[in-house]
Amino acid sequence: MRYPPEITRRLRSTPEQMRAAWVDGSPPPPQPVVLVPYDPHWPELFDEQAETIRRALADRALTIEHIGSTAVPGLAAKPIIDIDLIVADSGDEPAYLPDLEHVGYRLVLREPHWHGHRMLTRAVPAVNLHVFGPNAAEHLRHMIFRDWLRDHPEDRDRYRAVKQALAASTAGSPGEYNLSKNTVIDEIYARAFGLDDA
């Protein structure tokens, strides 16, 4: 299957955009990256949070998806559930933010320049909630990457090995962990998009 360029091309934020995106004015202090083996209870945690979000937003929650490493059986991950929430307009924060705050979420990141992304977090259970509008390219990329890893254990295992090596090698500078993963992520995307055999 061939995907359009808006899906295959990664949109990157500039350092200035990232600094401006933090709602509190600066990113939280970096924490060491701790990867744990896949936990079969992660889907249950997602289901619980998805139901909480559905109750809070009703039909304003157009789509709720479990994404990221905790959504891939057999993949080691940071024990944080990543969720994509699709709403009619992620820029219309009054339409969803107060109700999500009421059930324990907190807005930490606002990136109108990056697919209209907003990120909310909660501590217990640990969740990163990513809010996008319909057909946001990054949400579609999340789904493609998740499903590819679920269906291709060789790439899942390679990704796990790279993540574990990077978690160890960047222990003194945890901010480098996500940046350092980009090479293997881009390689896996190329296979998922069919670009490496074009």
C-alpha atoms as a PDB file:
ATOM      1  CA  MET A   1       0.000   0.000   0.000  1.00  0.00           C
ATOM      2  CA  ARG A   2       1.256   3.464  -0.893  1.00  0.00           C
ATOM      3  CA  TYR A   3       0.683   6.357   1.470  1.00  0.00           C
ATOM      4  CA  PRO A   4       0.460  10.065   0.579  1.00  0.00           C
ATOM      5  CA  PRO A   5       3.421  12.353   1.342  1.00  0.00           C
ATOM      6  CA  GLU A   6       1.644  14.049   4.249  1.00  0.00           C
ATOM      7  CA  ILE A   7       1.713  10.656   6.007  1.00  0.00           C
ATOM      8  CA  THR A   8       5.182   9.487   4.990  1.00  0.00           C
ATOM      9  CA  ARG A   9       6.920  12.798   5.678  1.00  0.00           C
ATOM     10  CA  ARG A  10       7.722  13.449   9.333  1.00  0.00           C
ATOM     11  CA  LEU A  11       6.908  16.974  10.454  1.00  0.00           C
ATOM     12  CA  ARG A  12       9.523  18.158  12.950  1.00  0.00           C
ATOM     13  CA  SER A  13       9.216  21.031  15.400  1.00  0.00           C
ATOM     14  CA  THR A  14      11.991  23.575  15.712  1.00  0.00           C
ATOM     15  CA  PRO A  15      13.669  24.051  19.114  1.00  0.00           C
ATOM     16  CA  GLU A  16      11.958  27.450  19.365  1.00  0.00           C
ATOM     17  CA  GLN A  17       8.554  25.887  18.712  1.00  0.00           C
ATOM     18  CA  MET A  18       9.185  23.220  21.308  1.00  0.00           C
ATOM     19  CA  ARG A  19      10.220  25.737  23.953  1.00  0.00           C
ATOM     20  CA  ALA A  20       7.064  27.749  23.296  1.00  0.00           C
ATOM     21  CA  ALA A  21       4.827  24.661  23.389  1.00  0.00           C
ATOM     22  CA  TRP A  22       5.160  23.900  27.102  1.00  0.00           C
ATOM     23  CA  VAL A  23       2.105  25.246  28.884  1.00  0.00           C
ATOM     24  CA  ASP A  24       4.035  25.966  32.082  1.00  0.00           C
ATOM     25  CA  GLY A  25       6.803  27.708  30.173  1.00  0.00           C
ATOM     26  CA  SER A  26       9.449  24.988  30.294  1.00  0.00           C
ATOM     27  CA  PRO A  27       9.665  21.214  29.986  1.00  0.00           C
ATOM     28  CA  PRO A  28       9.592  19.116  33.147  1.00  0.00           C
ATOM     29  CA  PRO A  29      12.965  18.054  34.566  1.00  0.00           C
ATOM     30  CA  PRO A  30      14.319  15.068  32.622  1.00  0.00           C
ATOM     31  CA  GLN A  31      13.863  11.713  34.298  1.00  0.00           C
ATOM     32  CA  PRO A  32      15.954   8.597  33.677  1.00  0.00           C
ATOM     33  CA  VAL A  33      14.397   6.308  31.091  1.00  0.00           C
ATOM     34  CA  VAL A  34      13.231   3.098  32.746  1.00  0.00           C
ATOM     35  CA  LEU A  35      12.031   0.368  30.405  1.00  0.00           C
ATOM     36  CA  VAL A  36      10.101  -2.584  31.776  1.00  0.00           C
ATOM     37  CA  PRO A  37       9.039  -5.837  30.104  1.00  0.00           C
ATOM     38  CA  TYR A  38       5.671  -5.880  28.390  1.00  0.00           C
ATOM     39  CA  ASP A  39       2.864  -5.993  30.943  1.00  0.00           C
ATOM     40  CA  PRO A  40      -0.319  -7.824  29.828  1.00  0.00           C
ATOM     41  CA  HIS A  41      -2.311  -5.482  32.091  1.00  0.00           C
ATOM     42  CA  TRP A  42      -1.491  -2.445  29.913  1.00  0.00           C
ATOM     43  CA  PRO A  43      -4.476  -3.016  27.585  1.00  0.00           C
ATOM     44  CA  GLU A  44      -6.732  -3.134  30.661  1.00  0.00           C
ATOM     45  CA  LEU A  45      -5.343   0.189  31.861  1.00  0.00           C
ATOM     46  CA  PHE A  46      -6.007   1.627  28.424  1.00  0.00           C
ATOM     47  CA  ASP A  47      -9.573   0.298  28.447  1.00  0.00           C
ATOM     48  CA  GLU A  48     -10.204   1.880  31.849  1.00  0.00           C
ATOM     49  CA  GLN A  49      -8.883   5.256  30.725  1.00  0.00           C
ATOM     50  CA  ALA A  50     -10.738   5.071  27.414  1.00  0.00           C
ATOM     51  CA  GLU A  51     -13.964   4.530  29.320  1.00  0.00           C
ATOM     52  CA  THR A  52     -13.164   7.459  31.628  1.00  0.00           C
ATOM     53  CA  ILE A  53     -12.575   9.687  28.602  1.00  0.00           C
ATOM     54  CA  ARG A  54     -15.775   8.476  26.899  1.00  0.00           C
ATOM     55  CA  ARG A  55     -17.822   9.223  30.000  1.00  0.00           C
ATOM     56  CA  ALA A  56     -16.244  12.678  30.262  1.00  0.00           C
ATOM     57  CA  LEU A  57     -16.669  13.664  26.613  1.00  0.00           C
ATOM     58  CA  ALA A  58     -19.486  11.448  25.306  1.00  0.00           C
ATOM     59  CA  ASP A  59     -19.805  11.888  21.530  1.00  0.00           C
ATOM     60  CA  ARG A  60     -17.121  14.599  21.476  1.00  0.00           C
ATOM     61  CA  ALA A  61     -14.563  11.752  21.667  1.00  0.00           C
ATOM     62  CA  LEU A  62     -14.566  10.706  18.022  1.00  0.00           C
ATOM     63  CA  THR A  63     -11.778   8.123  18.334  1.00  0.00           C
ATOM     64  CA  ILE A  64      -9.754   6.776  21.267  1.00  0.00           C
ATOM     65  CA  GLU A  65      -6.794   4.549  20.418  1.00  0.00           C
ATOM     66  CA  HIS A  66      -4.067   2.833  22.430  1.00  0.00           C
ATOM     67  CA  ILE A  67      -0.789   3.746  20.718  1.00  0.00           C
ATOM     68  CA  GLY A  68       2.914   3.627  21.517  1.00  0.00           C
ATOM     69  CA  SER A  69       4.998   0.771  22.869  1.00  0.00           C
ATOM     70  CA  THR A  70       2.534  -0.296  25.587  1.00  0.00           C
ATOM     71  CA  ALA A  71       0.086  -1.096  22.762  1.00  0.00           C
ATOM     72  CA  VAL A  72       2.427  -3.695  21.209  1.00  0.00           C
ATOM     73  CA  PRO A  73       2.441  -7.112  22.912  1.00  0.00           C
ATOM     74  CA  GLY A  74       5.967  -8.263  23.675  1.00  0.00           C
ATOM     75  CA  LEU A  75       7.553  -4.816  23.457  1.00  0.00           C
ATOM     76  CA  ALA A  76       9.434  -3.384  26.437  1.00  0.00           C
ATOM     77  CA  ALA A  77       8.293   0.133  27.273  1.00  0.00           C
ATOM     78  CA  LYS A  78       8.233   2.942  29.736  1.00  0.00           C
ATOM     79  CA  PRO A  79       5.203   2.124  31.922  1.00  0.00           C
ATOM     80  CA  ILE A  80       3.166   5.037  30.574  1.00  0.00           C
ATOM     81  CA  ILE A  81       0.008   4.418  28.555  1.00  0.00           C
ATOM     82  CA  ASP A  82      -0.060   6.528  25.384  1.00  0.00           C
ATOM     83  CA  ILE A  83      -3.511   7.330  24.044  1.00  0.00           C
ATOM     84  CA  ASP A  84      -4.599   9.207  20.933  1.00  0.00           C
ATOM     85  CA  LEU A  85      -7.879  11.082  21.299  1.00  0.00           C
ATOM     86  CA  ILE A  86      -9.532  12.505  18.199  1.00  0.00           C
ATOM     87  CA  VAL A  87     -11.945  15.423  18.663  1.00  0.00           C
ATOM     88  CA  ALA A  88     -13.678  17.649  16.132  1.00  0.00           C
ATOM     89  CA  ASP A  89     -11.128  20.455  16.609  1.00  0.00           C
ATOM     90  CA  SER A  90      -8.121  20.070  18.888  1.00  0.00           C
ATOM     91  CA  GLY A  91      -7.718  23.856  18.851  1.00  0.00           C
ATOM     92  CA  ASP A  92     -11.131  24.298  20.489  1.00  0.00           C
ATOM     93  CA  GLU A  93      -9.845  23.512  23.976  1.00  0.00           C
ATOM     94  CA  PRO A  94     -12.992  24.720  25.822  1.00  0.00           C
ATOM     95  CA  ALA A  95     -14.920  21.944  24.066  1.00  0.00           C
ATOM     96  CA  TYR A  96     -12.961  19.151  25.788  1.00  0.00           C
ATOM     97  CA  LEU A  97     -10.278  20.393  28.182  1.00  0.00           C
ATOM     98  CA  PRO A  98     -12.421  21.278  31.248  1.00  0.00           C
ATOM     99  CA  ASP A  99     -14.083  17.854  31.209  1.00  0.00           C
ATOM    100  CA  LEU A 100     -10.745  16.060  30.888  1.00  0.00           C
ATOM    101  CA  GLU A 101      -9.295  18.137  33.714  1.00  0.00           C
ATOM    102  CA  HIS A 102     -12.309  17.153  35.822  1.00  0.00           C
ATOM    103  CA  VAL A 103     -11.340  13.474  35.503  1.00  0.00           C
ATOM    104  CA  GLY A 104      -7.693  14.037  36.376  1.00  0.00           C
ATOM    105  CA  TYR A 105      -5.888  15.113  33.209  1.00  0.00           C
ATOM    106  CA  ARG A 106      -3.639  18.160  32.950  1.00  0.00           C
ATOM    107  CA  LEU A 107      -2.672  20.033  29.788  1.00  0.00           C
ATOM    108  CA  VAL A 108       1.128  20.192  29.502  1.00  0.00           C
ATOM    109  CA  LEU A 109       1.873  20.738  25.806  1.00  0.00           C
ATOM    110  CA  ARG A 110       0.199  22.818  23.104  1.00  0.00           C
ATOM    111  CA  GLU A 111       1.537  22.449  19.529  1.00  0.00           C
ATOM    112  CA  PRO A 112      -0.822  24.060  17.015  1.00  0.00           C
ATOM    113  CA  HIS A 113       2.027  24.002  14.463  1.00  0.00           C
ATOM    114  CA  TRP A 114       2.402  20.199  14.761  1.00  0.00           C
ATOM    115  CA  HIS A 115      -0.856  18.655  13.530  1.00  0.00           C
ATOM    116  CA  GLY A 116      -2.771  20.696  16.131  1.00  0.00           C
ATOM    117  CA  HIS A 117      -1.387  18.434  18.866  1.00  0.00           C
ATOM    118  CA  ARG A 118      -2.190  18.865  22.534  1.00  0.00           C
ATOM    119  CA  MET A 119      -0.800  16.575  25.226  1.00  0.00           C
ATOM    120  CA  LEU A 120      -2.363  15.986  28.596  1.00  0.00           C
ATOM    121  CA  THR A 121      -0.978  13.787  31.343  1.00  0.00           C
ATOM    122  CA  ARG A 122      -2.090  12.084  34.489  1.00  0.00           C
ATOM    123  CA  ALA A 123       0.083  10.487  37.142  1.00  0.00           C
ATOM    124  CA  VAL A 124      -1.942   7.481  38.346  1.00  0.00           C
ATOM    125  CA  PRO A 125      -2.185   5.540  36.193  1.00  0.00           C
ATOM    126  CA  ALA A 126       0.598   7.153  34.182  1.00  0.00           C
ATOM    127  CA  VAL A 127      -0.901   8.327  30.887  1.00  0.00           C
ATOM    128  CA  ASN A 128       0.112  10.606  28.028  1.00  0.00           C
ATOM    129  CA  LEU A 129      -3.060  11.681  26.232  1.00  0.00           C
ATOM    130  CA  HIS A 130      -2.445  13.066  22.732  1.00  0.00           C
ATOM    131  CA  VAL A 131      -5.301  15.120  21.264  1.00  0.00           C
ATOM    132  CA  PHE A 132      -5.634  15.637  17.504  1.00  0.00           C
ATOM    133  CA  GLY A 133      -8.327  16.669  15.051  1.00  0.00           C
ATOM    134  CA  PRO A 134      -9.802  14.292  12.448  1.00  0.00           C
ATOM    135  CA  ASN A 135      -7.368  12.778   9.932  1.00  0.00           C
ATOM    136  CA  ALA A 136      -4.329  14.280  11.638  1.00  0.00           C
ATOM    137  CA  ALA A 137      -1.297  12.841   9.888  1.00  0.00           C
ATOM    138  CA  GLU A 138       0.574  12.095  13.110  1.00  0.00           C
ATOM    139  CA  HIS A 139      -2.332  10.096  14.516  1.00  0.00           C
ATOM    140  CA  LEU A 140      -2.381   8.021  11.327  1.00  0.00           C
ATOM    141  CA  ARG A 141       1.386   7.526  11.620  1.00  0.00           C
ATOM    142  CA  HIS A 142       0.947   6.317  15.208  1.00  0.00           C
ATOM    143  CA  MET A 143      -1.594   3.732  14.057  1.00  0.00           C
ATOM    144  CA  ILE A 144       0.548   2.541  11.147  1.00  0.00           C
ATOM    145  CA  PHE A 145       3.628   2.160  13.360  1.00  0.00           C
ATOM    146  CA  ARG A 146       1.700   0.320  16.095  1.00  0.00           C
ATOM    147  CA  ASP A 147       0.047  -2.076  13.680  1.00  0.00           C
ATOM    148  CA  TRP A 148       3.283  -2.739  11.801  1.00  0.00           C
ATOM    149  CA  LEU A 149       5.070  -3.726  15.017  1.00  0.00           C
ATOM    150  CA  ARG A 150       2.148  -5.931  16.054  1.00  0.00           C
ATOM    151  CA  ASP A 151       2.317  -7.772  12.729  1.00  0.00           C
ATOM    152  CA  HIS A 152       6.106  -7.875  12.252  1.00  0.00           C
ATOM    153  CA  PRO A 153       7.838  -9.434  15.267  1.00  0.00           C
ATOM    154  CA  GLU A 154      11.284  -9.036  13.717  1.00  0.00           C
ATOM    155  CA  ASP A 155      10.907  -5.243  13.681  1.00  0.00           C
ATOM    156  CA  ARG A 156       9.305  -5.303  17.136  1.00  0.00           C
ATOM    157  CA  ASP A 157      12.298  -7.222  18.506  1.00  0.00           C
ATOM    158  CA  ARG A 158      14.781  -4.962  16.736  1.00  0.00           C
ATOM    159  CA  TYR A 159      13.031  -1.888  18.100  1.00  0.00           C
ATOM    160  CA  ARG A 160      13.032  -3.389  21.599  1.00  0.00           C
ATOM    161  CA  ALA A 161      16.766  -4.110  21.416  1.00  0.00           C
ATOM    162  CA  VAL A 162      17.578  -0.587  20.204  1.00  0.00           C
ATOM    163  CA  LYS A 163      15.402   0.968  22.910  1.00  0.00           C
ATOM    164  CA  GLN A 164      17.058  -1.082  25.629  1.00  0.00           C
ATOM    165  CA  ALA A 165      20.539  -0.193  24.390  1.00  0.00           C
ATOM    166  CA  LEU A 166      19.655   3.498  24.172  1.00  0.00           C
ATOM    167  CA  ALA A 167      18.061   3.540  27.616  1.00  0.00           C
ATOM    168  CA  ALA A 168      21.387   2.299  28.993  1.00  0.00           C
ATOM    169  CA  SER A 169      23.617   4.546  26.890  1.00  0.00           C
ATOM    170  CA  THR A 170      21.600   7.731  27.529  1.00  0.00           C
ATOM    171  CA  ALA A 171      21.093   7.143  31.252  1.00  0.00           C
ATOM    172  CA  GLY A 172      23.129  10.264  32.028  1.00  0.00           C
ATOM    173  CA  SER A 173      21.237  12.412  29.537  1.00  0.00           C
ATOM    174  CA  PRO A 174      17.683  11.044  29.280  1.00  0.00           C
ATOM    175  CA  GLY A 175      16.622  13.852  26.962  1.00  0.00           C
ATOM    176  CA  GLU A 176      18.681  12.171  24.239  1.00  0.00           C
ATOM    177  CA  TYR A 177      16.675   8.934  24.386  1.00  0.00           C
ATOM    178  CA  ASN A 178      13.796  10.007  22.144  1.00  0.00           C
ATOM    179  CA  LEU A 179      16.073  11.759  19.660  1.00  0.00           C
ATOM    180  CA  SER A 180      18.335   8.733  19.478  1.00  0.00           C
ATOM    181  CA  LYS A 181      15.423   6.451  18.597  1.00  0.00           C
ATOM    182  CA  ASN A 182      14.635   8.395  15.432  1.00  0.00           C
ATOM    183  CA  THR A 183      16.995   6.407  13.205  1.00  0.00           C
ATOM    184  CA  VAL A 184      15.421   3.025  13.916  1.00  0.00           C
ATOM    185  CA  ILE A 185      11.921   4.516  13.903  1.00  0.00           C
ATOM    186  CA  ASP A 186      12.506   6.032  10.462  1.00  0.00           C
ATOM    187  CA  GLU A 187      13.853   2.705   9.177  1.00  0.00           C
ATOM    188  CA  ILE A 188      10.751   0.869  10.412  1.00  0.00           C
ATOM    189  CA  TYR A 189       8.460   3.511   8.942  1.00  0.00           C
ATOM    190  CA  ALA A 190      10.211   3.124   5.576  1.00  0.00           C
ATOM    191  CA  ARG A 191       9.337  -0.577   5.581  1.00  0.00           C
ATOM    192  CA  ALA A 192       5.783   0.075   6.784  1.00  0.00           C
ATOM    193  CA  PHE A 193       5.290   2.660   4.036  1.00  0.00           C
ATOM    194  CA  GLY A 194       6.878   0.407   1.408  1.00  0.00           C
ATOM    195  CA  LEU A 195       9.558   3.010   0.721  1.00  0.00           C
ATOM    196  CA  ASP A 196      12.566   0.743   1.136  1.00  0.00           C
ATOM    197  CA  ASP A 197      11.482  -1.435  -1.814  1.00  0.00           C
ATOM    198  CA  ALA A 198      10.294   1.379  -4.090  1.00  0.00           C
END
